[in-house]
Amino acid sequence: MRPNFFHHLHPPTIPAQQSRWRYTLGAGGTAIFLVLVLGITGALEMFYYVPTPDEAALSVQTLTYHVALGGLVRGVHYWAAQLLLVVATVHLVRVVMTGAYAPPRRFNHLLGLILFVALILLDFTGYVLRWDQGVQWALVVGTNLIKSIPGVGETLYRVTVGGTRPGPATLTRFYAWHILGLGLVAIFFTGWHIFKVRRNGGIAVPPPTLRPDPARITRYELVRREVLAMLVAGAILIVLAAFVPAPIAAPITDISAPSPDARAPWFFLWVQHMLGWGDPFVWGVAVPLIVLIVLAAIPYVLPRPADAELGQWFPRSGRIAQGVLGIVALGVVVLTVLGWLGGM
């Protein structure tokens, strides 16, 4: 079979053992698919969304209830964004728990973390664009965290919200960041991340002399599996969008302060819970930054996994890295659950 453009995006062959779903979990390919879905559905939403404080929430309601298939498109966009964070997290966990961060993949691990942060900020800015009462925590408390940064906080806050308090300029800036700033950053680092995967030899596997199974699959089989995974992911998105509508609330009437029961978006619930412990800079900025630095340092500080143990889950030589990630993940999950329960 003559390879087409999409086949040429893949290596001619890859090891069969490391191409199995139970090893990769399909996270990388699914993440790329979700990014494409977000780009298409986001472009469709732009035809109806009006980025002004008076019209933003109403335009979301118009799209949802009065445009043919508008509610479905918005639901697919919303759920693709939420699932993308979940899939990206699974991908990060898989990389660390299989030792796939070892040289020559250390730099690509950093690129992946930068991309992960960009995706979180994209989700955050898109969340605020609803401009309804459900986003007031993110709009007020979330942006106030910037102000808590010593020295440069006030300046960064004014640059972010366009003034001394959230207002019309804030929505315009969040819209610009969501569509252009962060969107272009995500596209750039996604392309660079994929390029580095190919440049570094694809999936992390032992050297040829140490592989217990020399079998390989062709690029045609790999594409077939990816298409099947996309169909499954697409079906899940449509079902979620049809039966679990994207959140929607009344337009914001008082932007000065969130209601007492206002919640952060689910991916920031762990930060919201920590803010109740004291200083907002320490718990809302410094601690998340330390977590990010710890994850970024794993390939550079901790021992390199043994070559013979690459391409398998939980290599013995990577126990320290697995323990570090396990502690971080457990802490975030527990704090997220506590934050969710605290808002009930």
Protein backbone atom coordinates (compact mmCIF):
# COMPACT_ATOMS: atom_id res chain seq x y z
CA MET A 1 0.00 0.00 0.00
CA ARG A 2 1.30 3.43 -0.94
CA PRO A 3 1.51 5.64 2.20
CA ASN A 4 -0.53 8.85 2.17
CA PHE A 5 0.10 12.09 4.08
CA PHE A 6 -1.34 10.76 7.34
CA HIS A 7 0.71 7.58 7.11
CA HIS A 8 3.86 9.64 6.59
CA LEU A 9 3.23 11.33 9.95
CA HIS A 10 4.01 7.97 11.57
CA PRO A 11 7.22 5.91 11.58
CA PRO A 12 7.27 2.97 9.14
CA THR A 13 7.14 0.45 12.02
CA ILE A 14 7.03 0.50 15.82
CA PRO A 15 7.57 -2.25 18.42
CA ALA A 16 4.40 -4.31 18.83
CA GLN A 17 4.78 -4.77 22.59
CA GLN A 18 4.98 -1.03 23.31
CA SER A 19 2.17 -0.16 20.87
CA ARG A 20 -0.45 -2.04 22.86
CA TRP A 21 -3.23 -0.04 24.45
CA ARG A 22 -2.43 -1.38 27.92
CA TYR A 23 0.98 0.26 27.66
CA THR A 24 0.22 3.60 25.98
CA LEU A 25 -3.42 3.85 27.16
CA GLY A 26 -3.93 5.69 23.87
CA ALA A 27 -3.47 8.97 25.75
CA GLY A 28 -1.16 10.79 23.34
CA GLY A 29 -3.22 10.13 20.21
CA THR A 30 -6.49 10.83 22.00
CA ALA A 31 -5.14 14.16 23.23
CA ILE A 32 -4.28 15.18 19.65
CA PHE A 33 -7.79 14.22 18.53
CA LEU A 34 -9.38 16.26 21.32
CA VAL A 35 -7.26 19.29 20.36
CA LEU A 36 -8.60 19.02 16.79
CA VAL A 37 -12.18 18.74 18.09
CA LEU A 38 -11.68 21.82 20.26
CA GLY A 39 -10.34 23.79 17.31
CA ILE A 40 -13.28 22.90 15.05
CA THR A 41 -16.04 23.38 17.63
CA GLY A 42 -14.42 26.55 18.97
CA ALA A 43 -14.37 28.04 15.46
CA LEU A 44 -18.09 27.25 15.08
CA GLU A 45 -18.87 28.89 18.43
CA MET A 46 -17.10 32.09 17.35
CA PHE A 47 -19.87 32.77 14.81
CA TYR A 48 -22.33 33.38 17.66
CA TYR A 49 -20.29 34.37 20.71
CA VAL A 50 -20.24 38.10 21.52
CA PRO A 51 -17.25 39.03 23.77
CA THR A 52 -18.88 41.91 25.68
CA PRO A 53 -20.09 41.83 29.31
CA ASP A 54 -23.68 42.68 28.30
CA GLU A 55 -23.91 40.08 25.55
CA ALA A 56 -21.51 37.24 26.42
CA ALA A 57 -23.79 35.15 28.65
CA LEU A 58 -26.81 35.89 26.45
CA SER A 59 -24.94 34.84 23.32
CA VAL A 60 -24.00 31.56 25.02
CA GLN A 61 -27.68 31.02 25.82
CA THR A 62 -28.65 31.86 22.24
CA LEU A 63 -26.11 29.38 20.89
CA THR A 64 -27.28 26.71 23.31
CA TYR A 65 -31.04 27.03 22.96
CA HIS A 66 -31.82 28.79 19.68
CA VAL A 67 -29.20 27.65 17.15
CA ALA A 68 -29.68 24.33 15.39
CA LEU A 69 -27.28 21.83 16.99
CA GLY A 70 -25.74 24.74 18.90
CA GLY A 71 -26.17 23.04 22.26
CA LEU A 72 -24.52 19.90 20.90
CA VAL A 73 -21.57 21.82 19.47
CA ARG A 74 -21.08 23.71 22.72
CA GLY A 75 -21.41 20.50 24.72
CA VAL A 76 -18.83 18.72 22.58
CA HIS A 77 -16.47 21.69 22.97
CA TYR A 78 -16.94 21.75 26.74
CA TRP A 79 -16.48 18.02 27.26
CA ALA A 80 -13.54 17.85 24.88
CA ALA A 81 -11.82 20.51 27.01
CA GLN A 82 -12.50 18.61 30.24
CA LEU A 83 -11.47 15.24 28.81
CA LEU A 84 -8.33 16.77 27.33
CA LEU A 85 -7.09 17.69 30.82
CA VAL A 86 -7.88 14.18 32.04
CA VAL A 87 -6.18 12.52 29.06
CA ALA A 88 -3.15 14.82 29.33
CA THR A 89 -2.86 13.91 33.02
CA VAL A 90 -3.05 10.21 32.17
CA HIS A 91 -0.35 10.73 29.57
CA LEU A 92 1.91 12.46 32.12
CA VAL A 93 1.35 9.65 34.61
CA ARG A 94 2.11 7.03 31.95
CA VAL A 95 5.37 8.76 30.98
CA VAL A 96 6.63 8.86 34.57
CA MET A 97 5.38 5.43 35.59
CA THR A 98 7.05 3.78 32.59
CA GLY A 99 10.33 5.73 32.80
CA ALA A 100 9.72 7.29 29.37
CA TYR A 101 11.25 10.58 30.56
CA ALA A 102 14.79 9.18 30.42
CA PRO A 103 17.36 10.74 28.05
CA PRO A 104 17.07 11.59 25.21
CA ARG A 105 13.47 12.44 26.17
CA ARG A 106 14.19 14.79 29.09
CA PHE A 107 13.60 17.98 27.13
CA ASN A 108 10.41 16.61 25.62
CA HIS A 109 9.19 15.97 29.17
CA LEU A 110 9.58 19.71 29.81
CA LEU A 111 7.76 20.54 26.57
CA GLY A 112 4.93 18.29 27.68
CA LEU A 113 4.65 20.07 31.02
CA ILE A 114 4.61 23.49 29.33
CA LEU A 115 1.87 22.24 27.04
CA PHE A 116 -0.03 20.86 30.04
CA VAL A 117 0.05 24.27 31.76
CA ALA A 118 -1.08 25.94 28.53
CA LEU A 119 -4.04 23.55 28.32
CA ILE A 120 -5.04 24.35 31.92
CA LEU A 121 -4.91 28.09 31.19
CA LEU A 122 -6.89 27.57 27.98
CA ASP A 123 -9.57 25.74 29.96
CA PHE A 124 -9.52 28.48 32.59
CA THR A 125 -9.88 31.35 30.10
CA GLY A 126 -12.58 29.49 28.18
CA TYR A 127 -14.41 28.93 31.46
CA VAL A 128 -14.42 32.67 32.18
CA LEU A 129 -15.74 33.51 28.70
CA ARG A 130 -19.19 32.29 29.76
CA TRP A 131 -19.36 35.48 31.88
CA ASP A 132 -22.19 34.12 34.00
CA GLN A 133 -22.63 33.68 37.75
CA GLY A 134 -21.01 30.25 37.63
CA VAL A 135 -17.59 31.69 36.78
CA GLN A 136 -17.33 34.33 39.50
CA TRP A 137 -14.77 32.43 41.60
CA ALA A 138 -12.43 32.15 38.65
CA LEU A 139 -13.05 35.74 37.63
CA VAL A 140 -12.55 37.34 41.05
CA VAL A 141 -10.58 34.98 43.33
CA GLY A 142 -8.57 33.38 40.54
CA THR A 143 -7.37 36.68 39.13
CA ASN A 144 -6.72 38.07 42.64
CA LEU A 145 -4.08 35.36 43.09
CA ILE A 146 -2.00 37.24 40.53
CA LYS A 147 -2.19 40.34 42.70
CA SER A 148 -0.70 38.38 45.63
CA ILE A 149 2.65 37.87 43.85
CA PRO A 150 5.22 40.05 45.68
CA GLY A 151 6.67 42.98 43.76
CA VAL A 152 5.08 42.47 40.34
CA GLY A 153 1.62 41.29 41.38
CA GLU A 154 -0.21 44.59 40.94
CA THR A 155 1.30 45.18 37.50
CA LEU A 156 0.54 41.66 36.32
CA TYR A 157 -3.00 41.98 37.64
CA ARG A 158 -3.62 45.19 35.69
CA VAL A 159 -2.19 43.60 32.55
CA THR A 160 -4.39 40.53 33.02
CA VAL A 161 -7.75 42.16 33.82
CA GLY A 162 -7.20 45.49 32.08
CA GLY A 163 -7.70 47.69 35.13
CA THR A 164 -8.00 47.75 38.89
CA ARG A 165 -10.94 45.29 38.89
CA PRO A 166 -12.54 42.86 36.44
CA GLY A 167 -14.66 44.57 33.81
CA PRO A 168 -15.23 44.84 30.04
CA ALA A 169 -11.49 44.93 29.32
CA THR A 170 -11.09 41.66 31.25
CA LEU A 171 -13.45 39.79 28.94
CA THR A 172 -11.75 41.21 25.86
CA ARG A 173 -8.31 40.18 27.12
CA PHE A 174 -9.41 36.70 28.15
CA TYR A 175 -11.02 36.25 24.74
CA ALA A 176 -7.82 37.36 23.00
CA TRP A 177 -5.68 35.08 25.18
CA HIS A 178 -8.01 32.15 24.66
CA ILE A 179 -8.19 32.46 20.87
CA LEU A 180 -4.76 33.83 19.97
CA GLY A 181 -2.25 33.95 22.83
CA LEU A 182 -2.75 30.60 24.51
CA GLY A 183 -4.21 28.98 21.41
CA LEU A 184 -1.10 29.70 19.36
CA VAL A 185 1.14 28.62 22.25
CA ALA A 186 -0.73 25.31 22.52
CA ILE A 187 -0.50 24.70 18.76
CA PHE A 188 3.22 25.52 18.72
CA PHE A 189 4.13 23.29 21.66
CA THR A 190 1.88 20.48 20.44
CA GLY A 191 3.71 20.44 17.12
CA TRP A 192 7.11 20.66 18.83
CA HIS A 193 6.17 17.90 21.27
CA ILE A 194 5.10 15.57 18.45
CA PHE A 195 8.24 16.41 16.45
CA LYS A 196 10.45 15.56 19.43
CA VAL A 197 8.69 12.23 19.90
CA ARG A 198 9.63 11.30 16.32
CA ARG A 199 13.11 12.83 16.64
CA ASN A 200 13.81 10.87 19.83
CA GLY A 201 12.92 7.55 18.22
CA GLY A 202 9.21 7.27 19.01
CA ILE A 203 8.02 5.13 21.90
CA ALA A 204 10.56 4.52 24.67
CA VAL A 205 11.79 0.93 24.28
CA PRO A 206 14.88 -1.05 25.30
CA PRO A 207 17.79 -1.27 22.85
CA PRO A 208 17.23 -3.94 20.15
CA THR A 209 19.54 -6.45 21.86
CA LEU A 210 17.55 -6.23 25.12
CA ARG A 211 14.02 -6.51 23.72
CA PRO A 212 12.26 -9.74 24.70
CA ASP A 213 9.86 -9.47 21.75
CA PRO A 214 11.25 -8.20 18.40
CA ALA A 215 7.82 -8.09 16.68
CA ARG A 216 6.77 -4.77 15.11
CA ILE A 217 3.60 -3.33 13.58
CA THR A 218 3.39 -1.18 10.47
CA ARG A 219 2.26 2.43 10.21
CA TYR A 220 -0.93 1.20 8.53
CA GLU A 221 -1.91 -0.84 11.57
CA LEU A 222 -1.02 2.05 13.84
CA VAL A 223 -3.25 4.44 11.88
CA ARG A 224 -6.08 1.90 11.93
CA ARG A 225 -5.86 1.72 15.73
CA GLU A 226 -5.76 5.50 16.01
CA VAL A 227 -8.85 5.92 13.83
CA LEU A 228 -10.69 3.36 15.96
CA ALA A 229 -9.69 5.25 19.13
CA MET A 230 -10.90 8.53 17.57
CA LEU A 231 -14.27 6.99 16.72
CA VAL A 232 -14.67 5.75 20.30
CA ALA A 233 -13.61 9.12 21.75
CA GLY A 234 -15.94 10.96 19.37
CA ALA A 235 -18.86 8.74 20.37
CA ILE A 236 -18.15 9.40 24.07
CA LEU A 237 -18.09 13.17 23.42
CA ILE A 238 -21.43 13.10 21.60
CA VAL A 239 -23.08 11.02 24.33
CA LEU A 240 -21.77 13.33 27.06
CA ALA A 241 -22.82 16.45 25.14
CA ALA A 242 -26.30 15.03 24.52
CA PHE A 243 -27.04 13.76 28.02
CA VAL A 244 -24.85 15.95 30.29
CA PRO A 245 -25.21 19.52 28.98
CA ALA A 246 -22.41 22.04 29.45
CA PRO A 247 -22.93 24.35 32.48
CA ILE A 248 -24.86 27.55 31.97
CA ALA A 249 -26.08 30.18 34.43
CA ALA A 250 -27.63 33.63 34.61
CA PRO A 251 -25.51 36.60 33.49
CA ILE A 252 -23.29 38.27 36.09
CA THR A 253 -25.06 41.09 37.90
CA ASP A 254 -22.45 41.99 40.54
CA ILE A 255 -18.87 41.41 39.50
CA SER A 256 -17.32 42.78 42.68
CA ALA A 257 -17.34 39.56 44.71
CA PRO A 258 -18.36 35.92 44.23
CA SER A 259 -21.18 34.39 46.26
CA PRO A 260 -20.15 32.42 49.38
CA ASP A 261 -20.88 29.09 47.66
CA ALA A 262 -18.95 29.95 44.46
CA ARG A 263 -16.69 27.18 43.28
CA ALA A 264 -13.51 27.05 41.30
CA PRO A 265 -13.51 24.99 38.11
CA TRP A 266 -12.90 21.33 39.00
CA PHE A 267 -9.22 21.44 38.02
CA PHE A 268 -8.60 24.25 40.53
CA LEU A 269 -10.66 22.85 43.42
CA TRP A 270 -7.47 21.65 45.13
CA VAL A 271 -6.11 25.22 45.03
CA GLN A 272 -9.40 26.63 46.29
CA HIS A 273 -9.30 24.28 49.28
CA MET A 274 -5.72 25.29 50.14
CA LEU A 275 -6.62 28.98 50.05
CA GLY A 276 -8.58 28.40 53.24
CA TRP A 277 -5.31 27.60 55.04
CA GLY A 278 -3.84 31.10 54.93
CA ASP A 279 -1.67 33.29 52.72
CA PRO A 280 -3.04 33.29 49.13
CA PHE A 281 0.40 33.64 47.56
CA VAL A 282 1.82 30.67 49.46
CA TRP A 283 -1.10 28.29 48.91
CA GLY A 284 -2.47 29.61 45.64
CA VAL A 285 0.72 30.42 43.72
CA ALA A 286 3.86 29.08 45.41
CA VAL A 287 2.64 25.55 46.18
CA PRO A 288 1.31 24.87 42.63
CA LEU A 289 4.55 26.29 41.23
CA ILE A 290 6.62 24.00 43.48
CA VAL A 291 4.56 21.01 42.32
CA LEU A 292 5.30 21.96 38.70
CA ILE A 293 9.03 22.37 39.42
CA VAL A 294 9.18 18.98 41.14
CA LEU A 295 7.57 17.30 38.13
CA ALA A 296 9.91 19.11 35.74
CA ALA A 297 12.99 18.08 37.75
CA ILE A 298 12.24 14.34 37.69
CA PRO A 299 14.31 13.54 34.56
CA TYR A 300 17.20 15.77 35.62
CA VAL A 301 17.54 14.99 39.34
CA LEU A 302 16.42 11.41 39.84
CA PRO A 303 18.29 8.30 38.64
CA ARG A 304 17.86 7.30 35.02
CA PRO A 305 15.74 4.16 34.46
CA ALA A 306 17.70 1.16 33.25
CA ASP A 307 17.63 0.61 29.48
CA ALA A 308 16.45 -2.98 29.89
CA GLU A 309 13.41 -1.81 31.87
CA LEU A 310 12.13 0.74 29.38
CA GLY A 311 8.85 0.02 27.66
CA GLN A 312 7.18 -1.49 30.72
CA TRP A 313 5.11 -0.23 33.61
CA PHE A 314 6.71 0.49 36.98
CA PRO A 315 10.39 -0.28 36.25
CA ARG A 316 12.31 -1.02 39.45
CA SER A 317 14.98 1.55 38.60
CA GLY A 318 12.31 4.29 38.50
CA ARG A 319 10.81 3.71 41.94
CA ILE A 320 11.77 7.13 43.31
CA ALA A 321 10.14 8.98 40.42
CA GLN A 322 7.05 6.81 40.76
CA GLY A 323 6.88 7.58 44.46
CA VAL A 324 7.24 11.34 43.90
CA LEU A 325 4.48 11.39 41.30
CA GLY A 326 2.30 9.15 43.48
CA ILE A 327 2.59 11.55 46.43
CA VAL A 328 1.82 14.57 44.25
CA ALA A 329 -1.13 12.86 42.57
CA LEU A 330 -2.57 11.62 45.86
CA GLY A 331 -2.29 15.08 47.40
CA VAL A 332 -4.03 16.77 44.45
CA VAL A 333 -6.81 14.16 44.37
CA VAL A 334 -7.46 14.35 48.13
CA LEU A 335 -7.50 18.18 48.09
CA THR A 336 -9.80 18.16 45.06
CA VAL A 337 -12.26 15.85 46.81
CA LEU A 338 -12.13 17.98 49.96
CA GLY A 339 -12.70 21.11 47.87
CA TRP A 340 -15.67 19.50 46.15
CA LEU A 341 -17.19 18.29 49.41
CA GLY A 342 -16.62 21.69 51.00
CA GLY A 343 -18.69 23.36 48.30
CA MET A 344 -21.67 21.05 48.66
